[in-house]
Amino acid sequence: MRIGVDLGGTSIRAGLADKGTLLRKERLRCPSKGSCGEVLDAIEEVISRVMHPDVESVGIGVPSVVDTARGIVYNAANIPSWKEVPLKDIMQERLGLEVNVNNDSNCFTLGESLFGKCRDCSDIVGLTIGTGVGSGIMINGRLYEGRNAGAGEIGSLPYLGKDFESWCSTPFFTANGTTGAEAAEAAASGDAGTIALWNEYGVHLGELVKAILYIYDPEAIVIGGGLAAASGLYRDSLISQLSSFAYPNSATSVRLLFADNTDMALLGAASLKDK
């Protein structure tokens, strides 16, 4: 058995996993504005709630670049006190177990490749769209992390005077005076203006998918995160945008998938020992 942890600025989730099945899950509010120690205490607390005598290791996904060899977290998103945290050493000492640390989008992608929709794929890009844009890359069945687990920060690529994250995640809806949840509800009720907004969102996301195709030409792109659940509102405009891709065979052959299991990041984190 293993434990996977998904650290976010809003909440911290932990799951007890056994061979790709989550046996127990817990969630705590993340004290993101608190001290570094308060966040560490919350991580330890949520892990304790799913602990089992047979647990052999713990994996933690964090919204940050990571020195995965040493388990050091740098500048975690939305957790201001986490500038440089030797998370692996701290938690190994507290728990008395092997601890592995990686980027949260890498954990999502690893989970999808092992237990989700990409189990038969070897070259994958996992894209998480929600508060921001994250991505993980798998090449020949192995995570490609780059030097600081920062490979694949595609959301930071320049786009329309800002970056892709500004147009393909929560800031897009905020700039239009709404939220993703509110926009989904309004579109479901038939509001024409909001339906048009989702179509525009799909165009921007389509441009991001095109950038992924130019850079990686993967076998599959799997999209998860909070905005993936609303894919029915923008999928058509996203796919339509791919018609202008310079290499049509790549655009038509890539498997464009939307995650339907919100626990893949936990399962991926639990599997970091074997990555």
C-alpha atoms as a PDB file:
ATOM      1  CA  MET A   1       0.000   0.000   0.000  1.00  0.00           C
ATOM      2  CA  ARG A   2       1.050   3.573  -0.641  1.00  0.00           C
ATOM      3  CA  ILE A   3      -0.240   7.052   0.056  1.00  0.00           C
ATOM      4  CA  GLY A   4      -0.595   9.793  -2.537  1.00  0.00           C
ATOM      5  CA  VAL A   5      -0.921  13.462  -1.602  1.00  0.00           C
ATOM      6  CA  ASP A   6      -2.104  16.337  -3.795  1.00  0.00           C
ATOM      7  CA  LEU A   7      -1.105  19.717  -2.367  1.00  0.00           C
ATOM      8  CA  GLY A   8      -2.996  22.776  -3.579  1.00  0.00           C
ATOM      9  CA  GLY A   9      -3.422  26.337  -2.452  1.00  0.00           C
ATOM     10  CA  THR A  10      -7.036  25.652  -1.432  1.00  0.00           C
ATOM     11  CA  SER A  11      -6.950  22.095  -0.140  1.00  0.00           C
ATOM     12  CA  ILE A  12      -4.689  19.140   0.574  1.00  0.00           C
ATOM     13  CA  ARG A  13      -5.923  15.700  -0.440  1.00  0.00           C
ATOM     14  CA  ALA A  14      -4.514  12.321   0.538  1.00  0.00           C
ATOM     15  CA  GLY A  15      -5.450   8.836  -0.598  1.00  0.00           C
ATOM     16  CA  LEU A  16      -4.519   5.335   0.497  1.00  0.00           C
ATOM     17  CA  ALA A  17      -3.828   3.371  -2.687  1.00  0.00           C
ATOM     18  CA  ASP A  18      -3.318  -0.297  -3.422  1.00  0.00           C
ATOM     19  CA  LYS A  19      -2.527  -1.397  -6.982  1.00  0.00           C
ATOM     20  CA  GLY A  20      -4.300   1.544  -8.585  1.00  0.00           C
ATOM     21  CA  THR A  21      -7.339   1.509  -6.314  1.00  0.00           C
ATOM     22  CA  LEU A  22      -8.013   4.198  -3.725  1.00  0.00           C
ATOM     23  CA  LEU A  23      -9.166   2.570  -0.511  1.00  0.00           C
ATOM     24  CA  ARG A  24      -9.629   5.760   1.491  1.00  0.00           C
ATOM     25  CA  LYS A  25      -9.504   9.513   0.814  1.00  0.00           C
ATOM     26  CA  GLU A  26      -9.309  12.575   3.035  1.00  0.00           C
ATOM     27  CA  ARG A  27      -9.215  16.319   2.408  1.00  0.00           C
ATOM     28  CA  LEU A  28      -8.149  19.272   4.556  1.00  0.00           C
ATOM     29  CA  ARG A  29      -8.187  23.004   3.945  1.00  0.00           C
ATOM     30  CA  CYS A  30      -4.692  24.204   3.105  1.00  0.00           C
ATOM     31  CA  PRO A  31      -3.505  27.017   5.410  1.00  0.00           C
ATOM     32  CA  SER A  32      -1.884  28.569   2.356  1.00  0.00           C
ATOM     33  CA  LYS A  33      -1.460  32.013   3.898  1.00  0.00           C
ATOM     34  CA  GLY A  34       0.088  30.585   7.035  1.00  0.00           C
ATOM     35  CA  SER A  35       3.664  29.702   7.864  1.00  0.00           C
ATOM     36  CA  CYS A  36       5.661  26.981   6.172  1.00  0.00           C
ATOM     37  CA  GLY A  37       5.324  24.869   9.317  1.00  0.00           C
ATOM     38  CA  GLU A  38       1.539  25.205   9.362  1.00  0.00           C
ATOM     39  CA  VAL A  39       1.304  23.821   5.840  1.00  0.00           C
ATOM     40  CA  LEU A  40       3.664  20.971   6.749  1.00  0.00           C
ATOM     41  CA  ASP A  41       1.521  20.170   9.790  1.00  0.00           C
ATOM     42  CA  ALA A  42      -1.588  20.049   7.614  1.00  0.00           C
ATOM     43  CA  ILE A  43       0.114  17.654   5.190  1.00  0.00           C
ATOM     44  CA  GLU A  44       1.129  15.395   8.061  1.00  0.00           C
ATOM     45  CA  GLU A  45      -2.397  15.524   9.484  1.00  0.00           C
ATOM     46  CA  VAL A  46      -4.153  14.530   6.257  1.00  0.00           C
ATOM     47  CA  ILE A  47      -1.646  11.709   5.735  1.00  0.00           C
ATOM     48  CA  SER A  48      -2.321  10.434   9.266  1.00  0.00           C
ATOM     49  CA  ARG A  49      -6.012  10.163   8.433  1.00  0.00           C
ATOM     50  CA  VAL A  50      -5.371   7.601   5.687  1.00  0.00           C
ATOM     51  CA  MET A  51      -2.364   5.862   7.235  1.00  0.00           C
ATOM     52  CA  HIS A  52      -2.256   2.072   7.366  1.00  0.00           C
ATOM     53  CA  PRO A  53       0.363  -0.253   8.939  1.00  0.00           C
ATOM     54  CA  ASP A  54       1.167  -1.706   5.503  1.00  0.00           C
ATOM     55  CA  VAL A  55       2.058   1.621   3.842  1.00  0.00           C
ATOM     56  CA  GLU A  56       5.520   1.423   2.282  1.00  0.00           C
ATOM     57  CA  SER A  57       5.920   4.923   0.819  1.00  0.00           C
ATOM     58  CA  VAL A  58       4.316   8.318   0.377  1.00  0.00           C
ATOM     59  CA  GLY A  59       4.266  10.421  -2.794  1.00  0.00           C
ATOM     60  CA  ILE A  60       3.470  14.127  -2.766  1.00  0.00           C
ATOM     61  CA  GLY A  61       2.477  16.238  -5.766  1.00  0.00           C
ATOM     62  CA  VAL A  62       3.071  19.964  -5.395  1.00  0.00           C
ATOM     63  CA  PRO A  63       2.210  23.000  -7.570  1.00  0.00           C
ATOM     64  CA  SER A  64       5.821  23.939  -8.103  1.00  0.00           C
ATOM     65  CA  VAL A  65       9.138  23.154  -9.684  1.00  0.00           C
ATOM     66  CA  VAL A  66      10.933  20.472  -7.709  1.00  0.00           C
ATOM     67  CA  ASP A  67      14.413  19.064  -7.306  1.00  0.00           C
ATOM     68  CA  THR A  68      13.024  15.532  -7.456  1.00  0.00           C
ATOM     69  CA  ALA A  69      16.321  13.857  -6.527  1.00  0.00           C
ATOM     70  CA  ARG A  70      16.484  15.744  -3.227  1.00  0.00           C
ATOM     71  CA  GLY A  71      12.778  16.449  -2.860  1.00  0.00           C
ATOM     72  CA  ILE A  72      13.186  20.211  -2.511  1.00  0.00           C
ATOM     73  CA  VAL A  73      10.192  22.384  -3.448  1.00  0.00           C
ATOM     74  CA  TYR A  74      10.746  25.885  -4.828  1.00  0.00           C
ATOM     75  CA  ASN A  75       8.208  28.731  -4.884  1.00  0.00           C
ATOM     76  CA  ALA A  76       4.998  26.734  -4.562  1.00  0.00           C
ATOM     77  CA  ALA A  77       2.095  28.422  -6.347  1.00  0.00           C
ATOM     78  CA  ASN A  78      -0.415  30.119  -4.017  1.00  0.00           C
ATOM     79  CA  ILE A  79       1.574  29.170  -0.889  1.00  0.00           C
ATOM     80  CA  PRO A  80       3.704  32.295  -0.246  1.00  0.00           C
ATOM     81  CA  SER A  81       5.718  30.850   2.660  1.00  0.00           C
ATOM     82  CA  TRP A  82       7.061  28.000   0.522  1.00  0.00           C
ATOM     83  CA  LYS A  83      10.100  29.529  -1.134  1.00  0.00           C
ATOM     84  CA  GLU A  84      12.506  26.621  -0.642  1.00  0.00           C
ATOM     85  CA  VAL A  85      11.265  23.627   1.329  1.00  0.00           C
ATOM     86  CA  PRO A  86      13.208  20.337   1.712  1.00  0.00           C
ATOM     87  CA  LEU A  87       9.900  18.484   1.761  1.00  0.00           C
ATOM     88  CA  LYS A  88      11.287  14.980   1.239  1.00  0.00           C
ATOM     89  CA  ASP A  89      13.681  15.135   4.208  1.00  0.00           C
ATOM     90  CA  ILE A  90      11.152  16.792   6.498  1.00  0.00           C
ATOM     91  CA  MET A  91       8.352  14.338   5.815  1.00  0.00           C
ATOM     92  CA  GLN A  92      10.615  11.279   5.871  1.00  0.00           C
ATOM     93  CA  GLU A  93      11.742  12.296   9.336  1.00  0.00           C
ATOM     94  CA  ARG A  94       8.178  12.920  10.496  1.00  0.00           C
ATOM     95  CA  LEU A  95       6.656   9.785   8.967  1.00  0.00           C
ATOM     96  CA  GLY A  96       9.490   7.281   9.129  1.00  0.00           C
ATOM     97  CA  LEU A  97       8.707   6.267   5.532  1.00  0.00           C
ATOM     98  CA  GLU A  98      10.170   6.778   2.076  1.00  0.00           C
ATOM     99  CA  VAL A  99       8.794  10.003   0.577  1.00  0.00           C
ATOM    100  CA  ASN A 100       8.942  11.063  -3.074  1.00  0.00           C
ATOM    101  CA  VAL A 101       8.047  14.560  -4.327  1.00  0.00           C
ATOM    102  CA  ASN A 102       7.150  15.786  -7.802  1.00  0.00           C
ATOM    103  CA  ASN A 103       5.118  18.393  -9.645  1.00  0.00           C
ATOM    104  CA  ASP A 104       1.341  17.926  -9.336  1.00  0.00           C
ATOM    105  CA  SER A 105       0.719  17.906 -13.100  1.00  0.00           C
ATOM    106  CA  ASN A 106       3.409  15.253 -13.486  1.00  0.00           C
ATOM    107  CA  CYS A 107       1.507  13.189 -10.918  1.00  0.00           C
ATOM    108  CA  PHE A 108      -1.734  13.631 -12.864  1.00  0.00           C
ATOM    109  CA  THR A 109      -0.056  12.537 -16.096  1.00  0.00           C
ATOM    110  CA  LEU A 110       1.605   9.555 -14.425  1.00  0.00           C
ATOM    111  CA  GLY A 111      -1.737   8.513 -12.950  1.00  0.00           C
ATOM    112  CA  GLU A 112      -3.476   8.704 -16.322  1.00  0.00           C
ATOM    113  CA  SER A 113      -0.695   6.686 -17.966  1.00  0.00           C
ATOM    114  CA  LEU A 114      -0.815   3.926 -15.363  1.00  0.00           C
ATOM    115  CA  PHE A 115      -4.485   3.712 -14.443  1.00  0.00           C
ATOM    116  CA  GLY A 116      -6.492   6.057 -16.673  1.00  0.00           C
ATOM    117  CA  LYS A 117      -7.279   6.753 -20.289  1.00  0.00           C
ATOM    118  CA  CYS A 118      -3.666   6.601 -21.497  1.00  0.00           C
ATOM    119  CA  ARG A 119      -2.727   3.143 -20.271  1.00  0.00           C
ATOM    120  CA  ASP A 120      -1.925   1.996 -23.808  1.00  0.00           C
ATOM    121  CA  CYS A 121       0.043   5.132 -24.763  1.00  0.00           C
ATOM    122  CA  SER A 122       3.773   5.759 -24.431  1.00  0.00           C
ATOM    123  CA  ASP A 123       4.055   9.426 -25.536  1.00  0.00           C
ATOM    124  CA  ILE A 124       1.633  11.615 -23.608  1.00  0.00           C
ATOM    125  CA  VAL A 125       1.084  15.204 -22.580  1.00  0.00           C
ATOM    126  CA  GLY A 126      -1.191  15.688 -19.599  1.00  0.00           C
ATOM    127  CA  LEU A 127      -2.784  19.121 -19.402  1.00  0.00           C
ATOM    128  CA  THR A 128      -4.459  20.436 -16.250  1.00  0.00           C
ATOM    129  CA  ILE A 129      -6.734  23.448 -16.623  1.00  0.00           C
ATOM    130  CA  GLY A 130      -8.307  25.117 -13.619  1.00  0.00           C
ATOM    131  CA  THR A 131      -6.893  27.868 -11.425  1.00  0.00           C
ATOM    132  CA  GLY A 132      -3.938  27.826 -13.801  1.00  0.00           C
ATOM    133  CA  VAL A 133      -2.473  25.671 -16.550  1.00  0.00           C
ATOM    134  CA  GLY A 134      -0.121  22.807 -15.761  1.00  0.00           C
ATOM    135  CA  SER A 135       1.252  19.976 -17.824  1.00  0.00           C
ATOM    136  CA  GLY A 136       3.203  16.769 -17.559  1.00  0.00           C
ATOM    137  CA  ILE A 137       5.131  14.974 -20.282  1.00  0.00           C
ATOM    138  CA  MET A 138       5.771  11.289 -20.798  1.00  0.00           C
ATOM    139  CA  ILE A 139       8.198  10.120 -23.478  1.00  0.00           C
ATOM    140  CA  ASN A 140       8.573   6.406 -24.185  1.00  0.00           C
ATOM    141  CA  GLY A 141       6.541   5.636 -21.098  1.00  0.00           C
ATOM    142  CA  ARG A 142       8.715   7.673 -18.718  1.00  0.00           C
ATOM    143  CA  LEU A 143       8.114  11.055 -17.135  1.00  0.00           C
ATOM    144  CA  TYR A 144      10.249  13.763 -18.679  1.00  0.00           C
ATOM    145  CA  GLU A 145      10.861  16.323 -15.962  1.00  0.00           C
ATOM    146  CA  GLY A 146      13.704  18.512 -17.130  1.00  0.00           C
ATOM    147  CA  ARG A 147      16.318  19.643 -14.661  1.00  0.00           C
ATOM    148  CA  ASN A 148      13.911  21.048 -12.043  1.00  0.00           C
ATOM    149  CA  ALA A 149      10.711  19.133 -12.832  1.00  0.00           C
ATOM    150  CA  GLY A 150       9.814  22.295 -14.727  1.00  0.00           C
ATOM    151  CA  ALA A 151       9.637  20.814 -18.213  1.00  0.00           C
ATOM    152  CA  GLY A 152       6.250  21.356 -19.786  1.00  0.00           C
ATOM    153  CA  GLU A 153       5.320  24.670 -18.178  1.00  0.00           C
ATOM    154  CA  ILE A 154       3.404  25.347 -21.361  1.00  0.00           C
ATOM    155  CA  GLY A 155       0.979  27.739 -19.701  1.00  0.00           C
ATOM    156  CA  SER A 156       3.785  30.276 -19.365  1.00  0.00           C
ATOM    157  CA  LEU A 157       4.445  30.459 -23.099  1.00  0.00           C
ATOM    158  CA  PRO A 158       3.637  33.944 -24.509  1.00  0.00           C
ATOM    159  CA  TYR A 159       0.242  34.253 -26.154  1.00  0.00           C
ATOM    160  CA  LEU A 160      -1.794  37.319 -27.228  1.00  0.00           C
ATOM    161  CA  GLY A 161       0.247  39.753 -25.153  1.00  0.00           C
ATOM    162  CA  LYS A 162       0.050  37.642 -21.996  1.00  0.00           C
ATOM    163  CA  ASP A 163       0.549  33.883 -21.708  1.00  0.00           C
ATOM    164  CA  PHE A 164      -1.553  30.790 -22.349  1.00  0.00           C
ATOM    165  CA  GLU A 165      -2.497  30.519 -18.687  1.00  0.00           C
ATOM    166  CA  SER A 166      -4.211  33.916 -18.874  1.00  0.00           C
ATOM    167  CA  TRP A 167      -6.442  32.689 -21.702  1.00  0.00           C
ATOM    168  CA  CYS A 168      -6.899  28.987 -20.904  1.00  0.00           C
ATOM    169  CA  SER A 169      -7.729  28.885 -17.193  1.00  0.00           C
ATOM    170  CA  THR A 170      -9.591  30.783 -14.483  1.00  0.00           C
ATOM    171  CA  PRO A 171      -8.135  34.237 -15.370  1.00  0.00           C
ATOM    172  CA  PHE A 172      -9.969  34.083 -18.715  1.00  0.00           C
ATOM    173  CA  PHE A 173     -13.325  33.879 -16.959  1.00  0.00           C
ATOM    174  CA  THR A 174     -12.340  36.374 -14.270  1.00  0.00           C
ATOM    175  CA  ALA A 175     -11.449  38.901 -16.967  1.00  0.00           C
ATOM    176  CA  ASN A 176     -14.957  38.413 -18.341  1.00  0.00           C
ATOM    177  CA  GLY A 177     -16.615  39.026 -14.989  1.00  0.00           C
ATOM    178  CA  THR A 178     -17.493  35.441 -14.144  1.00  0.00           C
ATOM    179  CA  THR A 179     -16.088  32.102 -12.984  1.00  0.00           C
ATOM    180  CA  GLY A 180     -15.895  28.769 -14.741  1.00  0.00           C
ATOM    181  CA  ALA A 181     -18.651  27.352 -12.531  1.00  0.00           C
ATOM    182  CA  GLU A 182     -20.946  30.348 -13.073  1.00  0.00           C
ATOM    183  CA  ALA A 183     -20.287  30.314 -16.816  1.00  0.00           C
ATOM    184  CA  ALA A 184     -21.062  26.596 -17.040  1.00  0.00           C
ATOM    185  CA  GLU A 185     -24.359  27.099 -15.224  1.00  0.00           C
ATOM    186  CA  ALA A 186     -25.341  30.056 -17.409  1.00  0.00           C
ATOM    187  CA  ALA A 187     -24.469  28.189 -20.605  1.00  0.00           C
ATOM    188  CA  ALA A 188     -26.481  25.179 -19.475  1.00  0.00           C
ATOM    189  CA  SER A 189     -29.498  27.471 -19.095  1.00  0.00           C
ATOM    190  CA  GLY A 190     -29.071  28.635 -22.697  1.00  0.00           C
ATOM    191  CA  ASP A 191     -27.503  32.059 -22.182  1.00  0.00           C
ATOM    192  CA  ALA A 192     -26.224  32.986 -25.649  1.00  0.00           C
ATOM    193  CA  GLY A 193     -23.484  35.327 -24.436  1.00  0.00           C
ATOM    194  CA  THR A 194     -22.003  32.711 -22.128  1.00  0.00           C
ATOM    195  CA  ILE A 195     -22.202  30.015 -24.799  1.00  0.00           C
ATOM    196  CA  ALA A 196     -20.204  32.342 -27.042  1.00  0.00           C
ATOM    197  CA  LEU A 197     -17.712  32.867 -24.217  1.00  0.00           C
ATOM    198  CA  TRP A 198     -17.143  29.110 -23.951  1.00  0.00           C
ATOM    199  CA  ASN A 199     -16.666  28.917 -27.715  1.00  0.00           C
ATOM    200  CA  GLU A 200     -14.012  31.615 -27.438  1.00  0.00           C
ATOM    201  CA  TYR A 201     -12.382  29.705 -24.602  1.00  0.00           C
ATOM    202  CA  GLY A 202     -12.232  26.629 -26.847  1.00  0.00           C
ATOM    203  CA  VAL A 203     -10.446  28.642 -29.516  1.00  0.00           C
ATOM    204  CA  HIS A 204      -7.722  29.667 -27.050  1.00  0.00           C
ATOM    205  CA  LEU A 205      -7.413  26.143 -25.699  1.00  0.00           C
ATOM    206  CA  GLY A 206      -7.169  24.904 -29.264  1.00  0.00           C
ATOM    207  CA  GLU A 207      -4.209  27.210 -29.808  1.00  0.00           C
ATOM    208  CA  LEU A 208      -2.584  25.743 -26.702  1.00  0.00           C
ATOM    209  CA  VAL A 209      -3.154  22.215 -28.022  1.00  0.00           C
ATOM    210  CA  LYS A 210      -1.552  23.283 -31.303  1.00  0.00           C
ATOM    211  CA  ALA A 211       1.489  24.528 -29.406  1.00  0.00           C
ATOM    212  CA  ILE A 212       1.722  21.126 -27.689  1.00  0.00           C
ATOM    213  CA  LEU A 213       1.529  19.394 -31.065  1.00  0.00           C
ATOM    214  CA  TYR A 214       4.291  21.569 -32.491  1.00  0.00           C
ATOM    215  CA  ILE A 215       6.568  20.942 -29.518  1.00  0.00           C
ATOM    216  CA  TYR A 216       5.912  17.290 -28.662  1.00  0.00           C
ATOM    217  CA  ASP A 217       3.728  15.644 -31.346  1.00  0.00           C
ATOM    218  CA  PRO A 218       2.396  13.199 -28.718  1.00  0.00           C
ATOM    219  CA  GLU A 219       0.299  10.103 -29.184  1.00  0.00           C
ATOM    220  CA  ALA A 220      -2.296  11.452 -26.743  1.00  0.00           C
ATOM    221  CA  ILE A 221      -3.184  14.640 -24.903  1.00  0.00           C
ATOM    222  CA  VAL A 222      -5.266  14.086 -21.788  1.00  0.00           C
ATOM    223  CA  ILE A 223      -6.946  17.121 -20.249  1.00  0.00           C
ATOM    224  CA  GLY A 224      -7.901  17.260 -16.583  1.00  0.00           C
ATOM    225  CA  GLY A 225      -8.497  19.850 -13.899  1.00  0.00           C
ATOM    226  CA  GLY A 226     -11.590  21.755 -12.883  1.00  0.00           C
ATOM    227  CA  LEU A 227     -12.418  23.085 -16.366  1.00  0.00           C
ATOM    228  CA  ALA A 228     -12.184  19.667 -18.016  1.00  0.00           C
ATOM    229  CA  ALA A 229     -15.611  18.789 -16.636  1.00  0.00           C
ATOM    230  CA  ALA A 230     -17.143  21.475 -18.878  1.00  0.00           C
ATOM    231  CA  SER A 231     -15.545  20.101 -22.049  1.00  0.00           C
ATOM    232  CA  GLY A 232     -18.920  19.706 -23.736  1.00  0.00           C
ATOM    233  CA  LEU A 233     -19.177  23.490 -23.851  1.00  0.00           C
ATOM    234  CA  TYR A 234     -15.938  24.095 -25.742  1.00  0.00           C
ATOM    235  CA  ARG A 235     -14.794  20.822 -27.296  1.00  0.00           C
ATOM    236  CA  ASP A 236     -16.209  21.602 -30.750  1.00  0.00           C
ATOM    237  CA  SER A 237     -14.512  24.992 -31.014  1.00  0.00           C
ATOM    238  CA  LEU A 238     -11.252  23.481 -29.715  1.00  0.00           C
ATOM    239  CA  ILE A 239     -11.284  20.747 -32.366  1.00  0.00           C
ATOM    240  CA  SER A 240     -12.276  23.215 -35.066  1.00  0.00           C
ATOM    241  CA  GLN A 241      -9.214  25.290 -34.225  1.00  0.00           C
ATOM    242  CA  LEU A 242      -6.960  22.323 -34.979  1.00  0.00           C
ATOM    243  CA  SER A 243      -8.008  22.422 -38.641  1.00  0.00           C
ATOM    244  CA  SER A 244      -5.449  25.193 -39.200  1.00  0.00           C
ATOM    245  CA  PHE A 245      -2.561  23.133 -37.821  1.00  0.00           C
ATOM    246  CA  ALA A 246       0.324  23.005 -40.290  1.00  0.00           C
ATOM    247  CA  TYR A 247       0.669  19.221 -40.187  1.00  0.00           C
ATOM    248  CA  PRO A 248      -2.832  17.751 -40.562  1.00  0.00           C
ATOM    249  CA  ASN A 249      -1.798  14.154 -39.913  1.00  0.00           C
ATOM    250  CA  SER A 250      -0.586  15.061 -36.424  1.00  0.00           C
ATOM    251  CA  ALA A 251      -3.758  16.978 -35.643  1.00  0.00           C
ATOM    252  CA  THR A 252      -6.080  14.212 -36.813  1.00  0.00           C
ATOM    253  CA  SER A 253      -4.166  11.298 -35.326  1.00  0.00           C
ATOM    254  CA  VAL A 254      -3.569  12.638 -31.823  1.00  0.00           C
ATOM    255  CA  ARG A 255      -5.928  11.200 -29.210  1.00  0.00           C
ATOM    256  CA  LEU A 256      -7.577  14.145 -27.455  1.00  0.00           C
ATOM    257  CA  LEU A 257      -8.964  12.843 -24.165  1.00  0.00           C
ATOM    258  CA  PHE A 258     -10.747  14.401 -21.198  1.00  0.00           C
ATOM    259  CA  ALA A 259     -10.151  12.935 -17.757  1.00  0.00           C
ATOM    260  CA  ASP A 260     -13.222  11.715 -15.906  1.00  0.00           C
ATOM    261  CA  ASN A 261     -11.511  10.546 -12.704  1.00  0.00           C
ATOM    262  CA  THR A 262     -10.558  13.386 -10.369  1.00  0.00           C
ATOM    263  CA  ASP A 263      -8.274  11.113  -8.334  1.00  0.00           C
ATOM    264  CA  MET A 264      -5.581  10.518 -10.950  1.00  0.00           C
ATOM    265  CA  ALA A 265      -3.184  12.984  -9.300  1.00  0.00           C
ATOM    266  CA  LEU A 266      -3.459  10.997  -6.053  1.00  0.00           C
ATOM    267  CA  LEU A 267      -2.864   7.684  -7.828  1.00  0.00           C
ATOM    268  CA  GLY A 268       0.074   9.175  -9.725  1.00  0.00           C
ATOM    269  CA  ALA A 269       1.613  10.596  -6.548  1.00  0.00           C
ATOM    270  CA  ALA A 270       1.256   7.229  -4.847  1.00  0.00           C
ATOM    271  CA  SER A 271       3.137   5.678  -7.778  1.00  0.00           C
ATOM    272  CA  LEU A 272       6.126   8.065  -7.741  1.00  0.00           C
ATOM    273  CA  LYS A 273       8.274   5.369  -6.130  1.00  0.00           C
ATOM    274  CA  ASP A 274       8.209   3.458  -9.445  1.00  0.00           C
ATOM    275  CA  LYS A 275       8.310   6.294 -11.969  1.00  0.00           C
END
